[in-house]
Amino acid sequence: MSTISIIGSGKMAAAIAGRIAKAGHTVEVLGRNATKAQAIADQIGAGATTGTYGAAPAGDIVILAVPYAGAAAAVSDFGSTLAGKVVVDIANPVAPDLSGLVTPPGSSGTQEIAKGLPAEAHIVKAFNTIFGHVLAKGEPLDAFIAADDAEAKKRVSTFLESLGLRPFDVGGLHMAQTLEALGLMMIGLAKNGAGTWDFAMHVDIG
């Protein structure tokens, strides 16, 4: 298995880290708050480590598990160390009042984040349509991905499969906007029609 680096130390970072560790990969947690990052590493065990925030991530796949509001700053903090990495953006750029997405018209949070990455980095949208606590249960789930780079998309698909997830390619990076809208729809569904956050999106292929 391989080393997967996670930038962030919140609930979603912890949920993803736990699933990665259970799949047999080595997890590296890189958090601005070193204490919280260490707590995640200690919680999941399995040889999980912490790295220095802003230093080069050990993994070739780097999961950017921070809220959208802090994503640009995180990318800036790591700068050129992300060159050559596959960066997985999981954020949903949702307005605080859930009235819509906060991204510019015609763009997505992932596309905006990509503007701050080194040219040699490859960004992929994934995980934004799975609630953290649902992911942490370890059950089989469908995961939607969008990216322009075919090789990066293939690597992330293989990685997701190793976690017991079923990857679905929805197209190029422009489709990240649609996935983010789906993320917003899921939040609305949880708060209204479903009445629970304990659900996931599933594709039924006949």
C-alpha atoms as a PDB file:
ATOM      1  CA  MET A   1       0.000   0.000   0.000  1.00  0.00           C
ATOM      2  CA  SER A   2       1.026   3.629  -0.159  1.00  0.00           C
ATOM      3  CA  THR A   3       1.209   6.778   1.931  1.00  0.00           C
ATOM      4  CA  ILE A   4      -1.733   9.156   1.618  1.00  0.00           C
ATOM      5  CA  SER A   5      -1.374  12.682   2.970  1.00  0.00           C
ATOM      6  CA  ILE A   6      -4.304  14.647   4.368  1.00  0.00           C
ATOM      7  CA  ILE A   7      -4.215  18.408   4.821  1.00  0.00           C
ATOM      8  CA  GLY A   8      -6.683  19.266   7.565  1.00  0.00           C
ATOM      9  CA  SER A   9      -7.635  18.066  11.033  1.00  0.00           C
ATOM     10  CA  GLY A  10     -11.412  18.395  11.171  1.00  0.00           C
ATOM     11  CA  LYS A  11     -14.159  15.783  11.254  1.00  0.00           C
ATOM     12  CA  MET A  12     -14.027  15.017   7.543  1.00  0.00           C
ATOM     13  CA  ALA A  13     -10.238  14.665   7.652  1.00  0.00           C
ATOM     14  CA  ALA A  14     -10.598  12.217  10.551  1.00  0.00           C
ATOM     15  CA  ALA A  15     -13.287  10.194   8.757  1.00  0.00           C
ATOM     16  CA  ILE A  16     -11.245   9.898   5.572  1.00  0.00           C
ATOM     17  CA  ALA A  17      -8.061   9.122   7.514  1.00  0.00           C
ATOM     18  CA  GLY A  18      -9.770   6.316   9.401  1.00  0.00           C
ATOM     19  CA  ARG A  19     -11.074   4.730   6.218  1.00  0.00           C
ATOM     20  CA  ILE A  20      -7.657   5.002   4.571  1.00  0.00           C
ATOM     21  CA  ALA A  21      -5.918   3.372   7.544  1.00  0.00           C
ATOM     22  CA  LYS A  22      -8.420   0.494   7.596  1.00  0.00           C
ATOM     23  CA  ALA A  23      -7.648  -0.114   3.914  1.00  0.00           C
ATOM     24  CA  GLY A  24      -4.007  -0.671   4.792  1.00  0.00           C
ATOM     25  CA  HIS A  25      -2.523   2.588   3.579  1.00  0.00           C
ATOM     26  CA  THR A  26      -0.236   4.748   5.709  1.00  0.00           C
ATOM     27  CA  VAL A  27      -1.824   8.057   6.681  1.00  0.00           C
ATOM     28  CA  GLU A  28       0.055  11.324   7.111  1.00  0.00           C
ATOM     29  CA  VAL A  29      -1.939  14.144   8.730  1.00  0.00           C
ATOM     30  CA  LEU A  30      -0.833  17.715   8.053  1.00  0.00           C
ATOM     31  CA  GLY A  31      -2.826  20.183  10.120  1.00  0.00           C
ATOM     32  CA  ARG A  32      -2.376  23.843  10.915  1.00  0.00           C
ATOM     33  CA  ASN A  33      -3.279  22.807  14.458  1.00  0.00           C
ATOM     34  CA  ALA A  34      -0.553  20.280  15.296  1.00  0.00           C
ATOM     35  CA  THR A  35      -2.365  19.063  18.426  1.00  0.00           C
ATOM     36  CA  LYS A  36      -5.530  18.204  16.494  1.00  0.00           C
ATOM     37  CA  ALA A  37      -3.489  16.544  13.745  1.00  0.00           C
ATOM     38  CA  GLN A  38      -1.692  14.388  16.321  1.00  0.00           C
ATOM     39  CA  ALA A  39      -5.013  13.487  17.926  1.00  0.00           C
ATOM     40  CA  ILE A  40      -6.279  12.119  14.596  1.00  0.00           C
ATOM     41  CA  ALA A  41      -3.086  10.129  14.071  1.00  0.00           C
ATOM     42  CA  ASP A  42      -3.323   8.709  17.592  1.00  0.00           C
ATOM     43  CA  GLN A  43      -7.010   7.906  17.140  1.00  0.00           C
ATOM     44  CA  ILE A  44      -6.601   5.866  13.970  1.00  0.00           C
ATOM     45  CA  GLY A  45      -3.263   4.266  14.887  1.00  0.00           C
ATOM     46  CA  ALA A  46      -2.060   1.827  12.190  1.00  0.00           C
ATOM     47  CA  GLY A  47       1.241   3.661  11.882  1.00  0.00           C
ATOM     48  CA  ALA A  48      -0.382   7.017  11.104  1.00  0.00           C
ATOM     49  CA  THR A  49       2.009   9.946  11.296  1.00  0.00           C
ATOM     50  CA  THR A  50       1.884  13.724  11.340  1.00  0.00           C
ATOM     51  CA  GLY A  51       3.968  16.014   9.179  1.00  0.00           C
ATOM     52  CA  THR A  52       4.985  19.626   9.417  1.00  0.00           C
ATOM     53  CA  TYR A  53       2.238  21.889   8.107  1.00  0.00           C
ATOM     54  CA  GLY A  54       3.465  23.622   4.951  1.00  0.00           C
ATOM     55  CA  ALA A  55       6.270  21.111   4.349  1.00  0.00           C
ATOM     56  CA  ALA A  56       6.290  18.666   1.449  1.00  0.00           C
ATOM     57  CA  PRO A  57       3.620  15.954   1.917  1.00  0.00           C
ATOM     58  CA  ALA A  58       4.959  12.401   1.957  1.00  0.00           C
ATOM     59  CA  GLY A  59       2.124  11.012  -0.170  1.00  0.00           C
ATOM     60  CA  ASP A  60       1.747  11.317  -3.919  1.00  0.00           C
ATOM     61  CA  ILE A  61      -1.990  11.664  -3.326  1.00  0.00           C
ATOM     62  CA  VAL A  62      -2.808  14.644  -1.108  1.00  0.00           C
ATOM     63  CA  ILE A  63      -6.345  15.096   0.191  1.00  0.00           C
ATOM     64  CA  LEU A  64      -7.260  18.727   0.814  1.00  0.00           C
ATOM     65  CA  ALA A  65      -9.723  18.223   3.664  1.00  0.00           C
ATOM     66  CA  VAL A  66     -10.344  21.798   4.744  1.00  0.00           C
ATOM     67  CA  PRO A  67     -13.439  24.016   4.425  1.00  0.00           C
ATOM     68  CA  TYR A  68     -13.618  25.910   1.150  1.00  0.00           C
ATOM     69  CA  ALA A  69     -13.086  29.223   2.940  1.00  0.00           C
ATOM     70  CA  GLY A  70      -9.618  28.050   4.004  1.00  0.00           C
ATOM     71  CA  ALA A  71      -8.654  26.033   0.934  1.00  0.00           C
ATOM     72  CA  ALA A  72      -6.876  28.798  -0.985  1.00  0.00           C
ATOM     73  CA  ALA A  73      -4.794  29.687   2.077  1.00  0.00           C
ATOM     74  CA  ALA A  74      -3.848  26.040   2.632  1.00  0.00           C
ATOM     75  CA  VAL A  75      -2.766  25.643  -0.982  1.00  0.00           C
ATOM     76  CA  SER A  76      -0.708  28.818  -0.647  1.00  0.00           C
ATOM     77  CA  ASP A  77       0.902  27.550   2.566  1.00  0.00           C
ATOM     78  CA  PHE A  78       2.136  24.396   0.802  1.00  0.00           C
ATOM     79  CA  GLY A  79       2.989  26.157  -2.450  1.00  0.00           C
ATOM     80  CA  SER A  80       5.500  24.412  -4.683  1.00  0.00           C
ATOM     81  CA  THR A  81       5.621  21.329  -2.423  1.00  0.00           C
ATOM     82  CA  LEU A  82       2.409  20.209  -4.177  1.00  0.00           C
ATOM     83  CA  ALA A  83       4.073  20.084  -7.586  1.00  0.00           C
ATOM     84  CA  GLY A  84       3.692  16.623  -9.096  1.00  0.00           C
ATOM     85  CA  LYS A  85       1.053  15.629  -6.537  1.00  0.00           C
ATOM     86  CA  VAL A  86      -2.521  14.531  -7.167  1.00  0.00           C
ATOM     87  CA  VAL A  87      -4.563  16.906  -5.014  1.00  0.00           C
ATOM     88  CA  VAL A  88      -8.064  15.745  -4.064  1.00  0.00           C
ATOM     89  CA  ASP A  89     -10.446  18.579  -3.197  1.00  0.00           C
ATOM     90  CA  ILE A  90     -13.397  17.517  -1.028  1.00  0.00           C
ATOM     91  CA  ALA A  91     -14.930  20.904  -0.194  1.00  0.00           C
ATOM     92  CA  ASN A  92     -18.466  22.091  -0.836  1.00  0.00           C
ATOM     93  CA  PRO A  93     -18.374  25.897  -1.331  1.00  0.00           C
ATOM     94  CA  VAL A  94     -21.776  26.433   0.262  1.00  0.00           C
ATOM     95  CA  ALA A  95     -23.039  29.776   1.520  1.00  0.00           C
ATOM     96  CA  PRO A  96     -23.537  29.890   5.323  1.00  0.00           C
ATOM     97  CA  ASP A  97     -27.300  30.336   4.871  1.00  0.00           C
ATOM     98  CA  LEU A  98     -27.396  27.452   2.344  1.00  0.00           C
ATOM     99  CA  SER A  99     -28.804  29.821  -0.298  1.00  0.00           C
ATOM    100  CA  GLY A 100     -26.377  28.575  -2.935  1.00  0.00           C
ATOM    101  CA  LEU A 101     -22.728  28.173  -3.834  1.00  0.00           C
ATOM    102  CA  VAL A 102     -20.256  30.996  -3.215  1.00  0.00           C
ATOM    103  CA  THR A 103     -18.163  30.372  -6.333  1.00  0.00           C
ATOM    104  CA  PRO A 104     -18.093  32.711  -9.345  1.00  0.00           C
ATOM    105  CA  PRO A 105     -20.681  31.999 -12.068  1.00  0.00           C
ATOM    106  CA  GLY A 106     -19.524  29.214 -14.365  1.00  0.00           C
ATOM    107  CA  SER A 107     -16.817  28.035 -12.003  1.00  0.00           C
ATOM    108  CA  SER A 108     -16.464  25.571  -9.142  1.00  0.00           C
ATOM    109  CA  GLY A 109     -14.638  25.583  -5.854  1.00  0.00           C
ATOM    110  CA  THR A 110     -12.205  23.038  -7.275  1.00  0.00           C
ATOM    111  CA  GLN A 111     -11.449  25.188 -10.312  1.00  0.00           C
ATOM    112  CA  GLU A 112     -10.870  28.213  -8.088  1.00  0.00           C
ATOM    113  CA  ILE A 113      -8.553  26.212  -5.801  1.00  0.00           C
ATOM    114  CA  ALA A 114      -6.655  24.911  -8.839  1.00  0.00           C
ATOM    115  CA  LYS A 115      -5.649  28.470  -9.722  1.00  0.00           C
ATOM    116  CA  GLY A 116      -3.350  28.496  -6.688  1.00  0.00           C
ATOM    117  CA  LEU A 117      -1.703  25.134  -7.358  1.00  0.00           C
ATOM    118  CA  PRO A 118       1.639  24.655  -9.110  1.00  0.00           C
ATOM    119  CA  ALA A 119       1.228  23.899 -12.806  1.00  0.00           C
ATOM    120  CA  GLU A 120       2.622  20.396 -12.217  1.00  0.00           C
ATOM    121  CA  ALA A 121      -0.107  19.479  -9.703  1.00  0.00           C
ATOM    122  CA  HIS A 122      -3.238  17.618 -10.795  1.00  0.00           C
ATOM    123  CA  ILE A 123      -6.518  18.329  -9.030  1.00  0.00           C
ATOM    124  CA  VAL A 124      -9.434  15.911  -8.681  1.00  0.00           C
ATOM    125  CA  LYS A 125     -12.854  16.494  -7.125  1.00  0.00           C
ATOM    126  CA  ALA A 126     -13.989  13.655  -4.844  1.00  0.00           C
ATOM    127  CA  PHE A 127     -15.591  12.841  -1.461  1.00  0.00           C
ATOM    128  CA  ASN A 128     -17.786  15.969  -1.436  1.00  0.00           C
ATOM    129  CA  THR A 129     -20.985  13.920  -1.879  1.00  0.00           C
ATOM    130  CA  ILE A 130     -20.334  11.636   1.114  1.00  0.00           C
ATOM    131  CA  PHE A 131     -21.037  12.785   4.672  1.00  0.00           C
ATOM    132  CA  GLY A 132     -18.111  12.139   7.006  1.00  0.00           C
ATOM    133  CA  HIS A 133     -19.972  10.043   9.576  1.00  0.00           C
ATOM    134  CA  VAL A 134     -21.407   7.871   6.792  1.00  0.00           C
ATOM    135  CA  LEU A 135     -17.946   7.375   5.301  1.00  0.00           C
ATOM    136  CA  ALA A 136     -16.591   6.417   8.723  1.00  0.00           C
ATOM    137  CA  LYS A 137     -18.985   3.463   9.007  1.00  0.00           C
ATOM    138  CA  GLY A 138     -16.861   1.594   6.484  1.00  0.00           C
ATOM    139  CA  GLU A 139     -19.759   0.451   4.326  1.00  0.00           C
ATOM    140  CA  PRO A 140     -19.602   0.252   0.502  1.00  0.00           C
ATOM    141  CA  LEU A 141     -20.493   3.630  -1.000  1.00  0.00           C
ATOM    142  CA  ASP A 142     -20.562   5.337  -4.385  1.00  0.00           C
ATOM    143  CA  ALA A 143     -18.019   8.125  -4.897  1.00  0.00           C
ATOM    144  CA  PHE A 144     -18.213  10.637  -7.742  1.00  0.00           C
ATOM    145  CA  ILE A 145     -15.083  12.158  -9.230  1.00  0.00           C
ATOM    146  CA  ALA A 146     -14.292  14.884 -11.757  1.00  0.00           C
ATOM    147  CA  ALA A 147     -10.939  15.875 -13.241  1.00  0.00           C
ATOM    148  CA  ASP A 148      -9.265  16.849 -16.497  1.00  0.00           C
ATOM    149  CA  ASP A 149      -6.139  14.741 -16.117  1.00  0.00           C
ATOM    150  CA  ALA A 150      -6.918  11.138 -17.125  1.00  0.00           C
ATOM    151  CA  GLU A 151      -3.983   9.616 -15.236  1.00  0.00           C
ATOM    152  CA  ALA A 152      -4.821  11.476 -12.017  1.00  0.00           C
ATOM    153  CA  LYS A 153      -8.435  10.386 -12.344  1.00  0.00           C
ATOM    154  CA  LYS A 154      -7.336   6.773 -12.828  1.00  0.00           C
ATOM    155  CA  ARG A 155      -5.094   6.898  -9.762  1.00  0.00           C
ATOM    156  CA  VAL A 156      -7.835   8.363  -7.588  1.00  0.00           C
ATOM    157  CA  SER A 157     -10.327   5.784  -8.871  1.00  0.00           C
ATOM    158  CA  THR A 158      -7.951   2.959  -7.919  1.00  0.00           C
ATOM    159  CA  PHE A 159      -7.410   4.583  -4.531  1.00  0.00           C
ATOM    160  CA  LEU A 160     -11.160   4.899  -3.911  1.00  0.00           C
ATOM    161  CA  GLU A 161     -11.680   1.254  -4.844  1.00  0.00           C
ATOM    162  CA  SER A 162      -9.069   0.288  -2.268  1.00  0.00           C
ATOM    163  CA  LEU A 163     -11.241   2.019   0.347  1.00  0.00           C
ATOM    164  CA  GLY A 164     -14.258  -0.091  -0.571  1.00  0.00           C
ATOM    165  CA  LEU A 165     -15.857   2.725  -2.555  1.00  0.00           C
ATOM    166  CA  ARG A 166     -17.285   2.492  -6.080  1.00  0.00           C
ATOM    167  CA  PRO A 167     -15.893   5.383  -8.141  1.00  0.00           C
ATOM    168  CA  PHE A 168     -18.041   7.011 -10.821  1.00  0.00           C
ATOM    169  CA  ASP A 169     -16.364   9.319 -13.326  1.00  0.00           C
ATOM    170  CA  VAL A 170     -18.716  12.217 -14.099  1.00  0.00           C
ATOM    171  CA  GLY A 171     -16.408  13.957 -16.569  1.00  0.00           C
ATOM    172  CA  GLY A 172     -13.931  16.808 -16.718  1.00  0.00           C
ATOM    173  CA  LEU A 173     -13.151  19.332 -14.028  1.00  0.00           C
ATOM    174  CA  HIS A 174     -16.009  21.561 -15.199  1.00  0.00           C
ATOM    175  CA  MET A 175     -18.311  18.907 -13.700  1.00  0.00           C
ATOM    176  CA  ALA A 176     -16.993  19.712 -10.222  1.00  0.00           C
ATOM    177  CA  GLN A 177     -19.548  22.519 -10.175  1.00  0.00           C
ATOM    178  CA  THR A 178     -22.328  19.960 -10.660  1.00  0.00           C
ATOM    179  CA  LEU A 179     -20.923  17.754  -7.890  1.00  0.00           C
ATOM    180  CA  GLU A 180     -20.806  20.760  -5.561  1.00  0.00           C
ATOM    181  CA  ALA A 181     -24.433  21.520  -6.404  1.00  0.00           C
ATOM    182  CA  LEU A 182     -25.213  17.880  -5.563  1.00  0.00           C
ATOM    183  CA  GLY A 183     -23.436  18.373  -2.231  1.00  0.00           C
ATOM    184  CA  LEU A 184     -25.672  21.373  -1.532  1.00  0.00           C
ATOM    185  CA  MET A 185     -28.737  19.365  -2.545  1.00  0.00           C
ATOM    186  CA  MET A 186     -27.779  16.610  -0.108  1.00  0.00           C
ATOM    187  CA  ILE A 187     -27.506  19.140   2.721  1.00  0.00           C
ATOM    188  CA  GLY A 188     -30.947  20.479   1.803  1.00  0.00           C
ATOM    189  CA  LEU A 189     -32.326  16.949   1.685  1.00  0.00           C
ATOM    190  CA  ALA A 190     -30.868  16.148   5.097  1.00  0.00           C
ATOM    191  CA  LYS A 191     -32.425  19.254   6.602  1.00  0.00           C
ATOM    192  CA  ASN A 192     -35.796  18.889   4.903  1.00  0.00           C
ATOM    193  CA  GLY A 193     -37.091  15.884   2.973  1.00  0.00           C
ATOM    194  CA  ALA A 194     -34.961  13.114   4.491  1.00  0.00           C
ATOM    195  CA  GLY A 195     -34.929  14.478   8.015  1.00  0.00           C
ATOM    196  CA  THR A 196     -31.616  12.754   8.690  1.00  0.00           C
ATOM    197  CA  TRP A 197     -27.939  13.034   7.744  1.00  0.00           C
ATOM    198  CA  ASP A 198     -27.621   9.269   7.753  1.00  0.00           C
ATOM    199  CA  PHE A 199     -27.856   8.587   4.015  1.00  0.00           C
ATOM    200  CA  ALA A 200     -25.730   8.427   0.881  1.00  0.00           C
ATOM    201  CA  MET A 201     -26.232   8.817  -2.870  1.00  0.00           C
ATOM    202  CA  HIS A 202     -26.300   5.515  -4.723  1.00  0.00           C
ATOM    203  CA  VAL A 203     -26.321   4.751  -8.440  1.00  0.00           C
ATOM    204  CA  ASP A 204     -28.569   1.855  -9.433  1.00  0.00           C
ATOM    205  CA  ILE A 205     -27.495   0.569 -12.835  1.00  0.00           C
ATOM    206  CA  GLY A 206     -30.133  -1.674 -14.370  1.00  0.00           C
END
